[in-house]
């Protein structure tokens, strides 16, 4: 039996299934982190595929194309399904980084950035703190298990080679991306409003006391107020993460229905 005959049978199901599962290891939170070695991610995708393969294989009957190009197109469509699940989770969580940039700009930390090892990019100071806290809560609440379960359950909703492009998918991706700004503003609103009141107070103080150097007093005052308000909203931020995670799970279902 040559390789193409083998692809016509169970090997085709296994390879396509592993390709879909590998999609979340490209961009999904935690699974797609850049500080996780690529060999570990590839090995994890292979191990998960071995566990799930007997269940998926008995419910799947496909006929692989006779050419490598046709099979590659099929593999790309399967990888897109897994990538879509990871993309929805990733783009929703980017609202925290957006909120962190707004908070840093208001609190006086706009020029302070650090290298985020999970994404390999520069991240704002407060945004990094909120992002790490979000990731901890995400792992403690088994959100990574929900993402993995979403990929596994996707084989029931969208069988292998059952991907169908829908024009509404592009609109959904645009809506998910636009929601970053709306959610980011909601998270950053307490500090933004507090700094606004501080600036108004300093402006009034500068008019009543012209001899006061407002630049010497204003910048430290903004930092103190920003840190104080941030410490106050941390408990409410953790509660808000529950709403954010539920939004992620709901958006994943909406995205899968769009390509079902």
Protein backbone atom coordinates (compact mmCIF):
# COMPACT_ATOMS: atom_id res chain seq x y z
CA UNK A 1 0.00 0.00 0.00
CA UNK A 2 1.55 3.33 -1.08
CA UNK A 3 1.19 6.64 0.74
CA UNK A 4 -1.80 7.88 -1.26
CA UNK A 5 -3.71 4.67 -0.60
CA UNK A 6 -3.01 5.15 3.08
CA UNK A 7 -4.32 8.72 2.92
CA UNK A 8 -7.60 7.42 1.53
CA UNK A 9 -8.22 5.65 4.84
CA UNK A 10 -7.62 6.47 8.50
CA UNK A 11 -4.43 8.45 8.02
CA UNK A 12 -6.34 11.17 6.16
CA UNK A 13 -8.73 11.59 9.10
CA UNK A 14 -5.87 11.71 11.60
CA UNK A 15 -3.78 14.24 9.70
CA UNK A 16 -6.72 16.55 9.02
CA UNK A 17 -7.86 16.26 12.63
CA UNK A 18 -4.36 17.09 13.91
CA UNK A 19 -4.23 20.05 11.52
CA UNK A 20 -7.41 21.50 13.00
CA UNK A 21 -6.19 20.99 16.57
CA UNK A 22 -2.87 22.61 15.65
CA UNK A 23 -4.76 25.77 14.69
CA UNK A 24 -5.27 26.84 18.31
CA UNK A 25 -1.53 26.50 18.98
CA UNK A 26 -0.87 29.31 16.49
CA UNK A 27 -2.68 32.22 18.13
CA UNK A 28 -4.89 31.11 21.03
CA UNK A 29 -4.12 32.52 24.50
CA UNK A 30 -1.78 30.30 26.51
CA UNK A 31 -1.55 27.66 23.76
CA UNK A 32 -0.08 30.06 21.20
CA UNK A 33 2.33 31.78 23.57
CA UNK A 34 5.67 32.57 21.94
CA UNK A 35 7.66 31.49 25.01
CA UNK A 36 6.36 27.92 24.65
CA UNK A 37 8.75 25.99 22.34
CA UNK A 38 7.32 25.10 18.96
CA UNK A 39 8.32 21.47 19.46
CA UNK A 40 6.27 21.30 22.65
CA UNK A 41 3.24 22.78 20.92
CA UNK A 42 3.58 20.38 18.01
CA UNK A 43 3.96 17.44 20.39
CA UNK A 44 0.93 18.53 22.40
CA UNK A 45 -1.17 18.76 19.22
CA UNK A 46 -0.01 15.28 18.20
CA UNK A 47 -0.76 13.80 21.64
CA UNK A 48 -4.23 15.35 21.78
CA UNK A 49 -4.95 14.04 18.28
CA UNK A 50 -3.97 10.52 19.30
CA UNK A 51 -6.42 10.61 22.22
CA UNK A 52 -9.32 12.02 20.20
CA UNK A 53 -8.68 10.08 16.98
CA UNK A 54 -10.64 6.87 17.81
CA UNK A 55 -13.80 8.86 18.57
CA UNK A 56 -13.58 11.12 15.52
CA UNK A 57 -12.51 8.37 13.13
CA UNK A 58 -15.49 6.11 13.79
CA UNK A 59 -17.89 8.96 12.95
CA UNK A 60 -16.00 10.30 9.91
CA UNK A 61 -15.86 8.90 6.40
CA UNK A 62 -13.93 11.00 3.89
CA UNK A 63 -12.31 10.46 0.55
CA UNK A 64 -8.98 12.22 0.22
CA UNK A 65 -8.14 13.83 -3.16
CA UNK A 66 -5.61 12.01 -5.32
CA UNK A 67 -3.16 14.95 -5.44
CA UNK A 68 -1.00 16.60 -2.82
CA UNK A 69 -2.28 20.06 -3.76
CA UNK A 70 -5.89 19.05 -3.16
CA UNK A 71 -4.97 17.53 0.17
CA UNK A 72 -3.06 20.69 1.14
CA UNK A 73 -6.15 22.80 0.43
CA UNK A 74 -8.19 20.50 2.64
CA UNK A 75 -5.58 20.79 5.40
CA UNK A 76 -5.63 24.60 5.20
CA UNK A 77 -9.41 24.65 5.56
CA UNK A 78 -9.17 22.46 8.66
CA UNK A 79 -6.40 24.61 10.14
CA UNK A 80 -8.56 27.68 9.59
CA UNK A 81 -11.28 26.20 11.84
CA UNK A 82 -8.84 25.75 14.73
CA UNK A 83 -7.21 29.11 14.03
CA UNK A 84 -10.63 30.79 14.10
CA UNK A 85 -11.32 29.49 17.61
CA UNK A 86 -7.96 30.77 18.81
CA UNK A 87 -8.41 34.08 17.00
CA UNK A 88 -11.76 34.79 18.67
CA UNK A 89 -10.24 34.20 22.11
CA UNK A 90 -7.10 36.20 21.28
CA UNK A 91 -8.84 39.22 19.81
CA UNK A 92 -11.28 39.43 22.72
CA UNK A 93 -8.47 39.37 25.28
CA UNK A 94 -6.62 42.14 23.42
CA UNK A 95 -9.18 44.51 24.94
CA UNK A 96 -7.14 44.29 28.15
CA UNK A 97 -4.00 45.52 26.36
CA UNK A 98 -6.04 48.30 24.79
CA UNK A 99 -7.30 49.32 28.23
CA UNK A 100 -3.76 49.16 29.62
CA UNK A 101 -2.47 51.54 26.94
CA UNK A 102 -5.24 54.01 27.75
CA UNK A 103 -4.51 53.74 31.48
CA UNK A 104 -0.77 54.24 30.94
CA UNK A 105 -1.38 57.29 28.80
CA UNK A 106 -3.59 58.86 31.45
CA UNK A 107 -1.47 57.87 34.47
CA UNK A 108 1.83 59.05 33.00
CA UNK A 109 3.34 55.69 32.05
CA UNK A 110 2.99 56.17 28.30
CA UNK A 111 6.77 56.15 27.74
CA UNK A 112 7.28 53.01 29.84
CA UNK A 113 7.03 49.71 27.97
CA UNK A 114 8.28 46.21 28.59
CA UNK A 115 8.82 43.18 26.41
CA UNK A 116 5.94 40.72 26.68
CA UNK A 117 7.43 37.21 26.37
CA UNK A 118 4.06 35.66 25.48
CA UNK A 119 3.67 37.74 22.31
CA UNK A 120 7.21 38.93 21.63
CA UNK A 121 6.05 42.56 21.43
CA UNK A 122 6.34 45.64 23.61
CA UNK A 123 3.44 46.02 26.02
CA UNK A 124 2.33 48.88 28.30
CA UNK A 125 3.21 48.67 31.98
CA UNK A 126 -0.31 48.58 33.44
CA UNK A 127 -1.50 46.57 30.43
CA UNK A 128 1.10 43.89 31.14
CA UNK A 129 0.01 43.67 34.76
CA UNK A 130 -3.65 43.35 33.80
CA UNK A 131 -2.79 40.86 31.05
CA UNK A 132 -0.81 38.61 33.41
CA UNK A 133 -3.62 38.78 35.97
CA UNK A 134 -6.13 37.90 33.27
CA UNK A 135 -4.03 34.93 32.16
CA UNK A 136 -3.77 33.66 35.75
CA UNK A 137 -7.54 33.88 36.23
CA UNK A 138 -8.03 32.26 32.82
CA UNK A 139 -5.92 29.26 33.84
CA UNK A 140 -7.36 29.01 37.35
CA UNK A 141 -10.91 28.95 35.98
CA UNK A 142 -9.90 26.26 33.42
CA UNK A 143 -10.48 28.54 30.47
CA UNK A 144 -7.73 26.71 28.57
CA UNK A 145 -9.74 23.52 29.02
CA UNK A 146 -12.78 25.25 27.52
CA UNK A 147 -10.74 26.31 24.46
CA UNK A 148 -9.49 22.78 23.99
CA UNK A 149 -13.01 21.39 24.45
CA UNK A 150 -14.24 23.88 21.84
CA UNK A 151 -11.85 22.45 19.28
CA UNK A 152 -12.81 18.88 20.14
CA UNK A 153 -16.55 19.65 20.06
CA UNK A 154 -16.10 21.44 16.74
CA UNK A 155 -15.81 18.02 15.09
CA UNK A 156 -19.46 17.45 16.01
CA UNK A 157 -20.64 20.83 14.74
CA UNK A 158 -18.33 20.96 11.72
CA UNK A 159 -17.21 17.52 10.55
CA UNK A 160 -13.90 17.11 8.76
CA UNK A 161 -14.15 18.76 5.33
CA UNK A 162 -17.44 20.31 6.47
CA UNK A 163 -16.10 23.87 6.36
CA UNK A 164 -18.29 26.21 4.32
CA UNK A 165 -17.36 29.85 3.84
CA UNK A 166 -20.07 32.34 4.68
CA UNK A 167 -19.91 36.04 3.85
CA UNK A 168 -21.10 36.83 7.37
CA UNK A 169 -17.82 35.44 8.74
CA UNK A 170 -15.89 38.51 7.59
CA UNK A 171 -18.43 40.78 9.26
CA UNK A 172 -18.16 38.78 12.46
CA UNK A 173 -14.37 39.09 12.50
CA UNK A 174 -14.68 42.85 12.00
CA UNK A 175 -17.22 43.07 14.83
CA UNK A 176 -14.98 41.03 17.15
CA UNK A 177 -12.04 43.32 16.36
CA UNK A 178 -14.11 46.49 16.85
CA UNK A 179 -15.25 45.19 20.24
CA UNK A 180 -11.64 45.54 21.44
CA UNK A 181 -12.02 49.31 21.62
CA UNK A 182 -15.44 49.22 23.29
CA UNK A 183 -14.35 46.74 25.97
CA UNK A 184 -11.03 48.52 26.44
CA UNK A 185 -12.77 51.83 27.12
CA UNK A 186 -15.05 50.14 29.66
CA UNK A 187 -12.08 48.71 31.56
CA UNK A 188 -10.07 51.96 31.46
CA UNK A 189 -13.01 54.23 32.28
CA UNK A 190 -12.45 54.43 36.10
CA UNK A 191 -8.83 55.55 35.81
CA UNK A 192 -9.60 57.81 32.84
CA UNK A 193 -12.39 59.54 34.75
CA UNK A 194 -10.28 59.85 37.92
CA UNK A 195 -7.35 61.40 36.02
CA UNK A 196 -9.78 63.75 34.26
CA UNK A 197 -11.07 65.01 37.63
CA UNK A 198 -7.47 65.33 38.82
CA UNK A 199 -6.51 67.44 35.80
CA UNK A 200 -9.57 69.63 36.25
CA UNK A 201 -8.67 70.13 39.92
CA UNK A 202 -5.06 70.96 39.03
CA UNK A 203 -6.29 73.42 36.40
CA UNK A 204 -8.44 75.21 38.95
CA UNK A 205 -5.55 75.17 41.41
CA UNK A 206 -3.21 76.64 38.81
CA UNK A 207 -5.62 79.52 38.21
CA UNK A 208 -6.04 80.29 41.90
CA UNK A 209 -2.33 79.86 42.76
CA UNK A 210 -0.25 81.09 39.79
CA UNK A 211 3.00 80.70 41.74
CA UNK A 212 2.47 76.91 41.89
CA UNK A 213 4.50 74.93 39.35
CA UNK A 214 1.74 72.75 37.99
CA UNK A 215 4.08 70.53 35.96
CA UNK A 216 6.08 69.54 39.03
CA UNK A 217 2.92 68.68 40.99
CA UNK A 218 0.72 67.37 38.16
CA UNK A 219 2.75 64.41 36.88
CA UNK A 220 3.38 62.78 40.31
CA UNK A 221 -0.24 63.45 41.22
CA UNK A 222 -1.47 61.63 38.11
CA UNK A 223 0.75 58.63 38.93
CA UNK A 224 -0.44 58.49 42.55
CA UNK A 225 -4.11 58.80 41.59
CA UNK A 226 -3.71 56.22 38.79
CA UNK A 227 -2.10 53.61 41.06
CA UNK A 228 -4.63 54.27 43.84
CA UNK A 229 -7.63 53.86 41.51
CA UNK A 230 -6.05 50.78 39.91
CA UNK A 231 -5.70 49.17 43.36
CA UNK A 232 -9.36 49.93 44.06
CA UNK A 233 -10.71 48.45 40.82
CA UNK A 234 -8.70 45.19 40.89
CA UNK A 235 -11.49 43.19 42.64
CA UNK A 236 -14.06 44.52 40.17
CA UNK A 237 -11.66 43.79 37.30
CA UNK A 238 -11.46 40.13 38.33
CA UNK A 239 -15.26 39.98 38.36
CA UNK A 240 -15.34 41.61 34.94
CA UNK A 241 -13.04 38.87 33.61
CA UNK A 242 -15.84 36.36 34.18
CA UNK A 243 -18.01 38.41 31.83
CA UNK A 244 -15.15 38.66 29.34
CA UNK A 245 -14.52 34.91 29.34
CA UNK A 246 -18.21 34.15 28.86
CA UNK A 247 -18.16 36.56 25.92
CA UNK A 248 -15.25 34.61 24.44
CA UNK A 249 -17.11 31.30 24.71
CA UNK A 250 -20.23 32.82 23.19
CA UNK A 251 -18.25 34.37 20.31
CA UNK A 252 -16.65 31.00 19.57
CA UNK A 253 -20.09 29.43 19.17
CA UNK A 254 -21.19 32.29 16.90
CA UNK A 255 -18.07 31.94 14.74
CA UNK A 256 -18.48 28.17 14.39
CA UNK A 257 -22.11 28.55 13.39
CA UNK A 258 -21.06 30.99 10.67
CA UNK A 259 -18.93 28.32 8.95
CA UNK A 260 -21.14 25.34 9.79
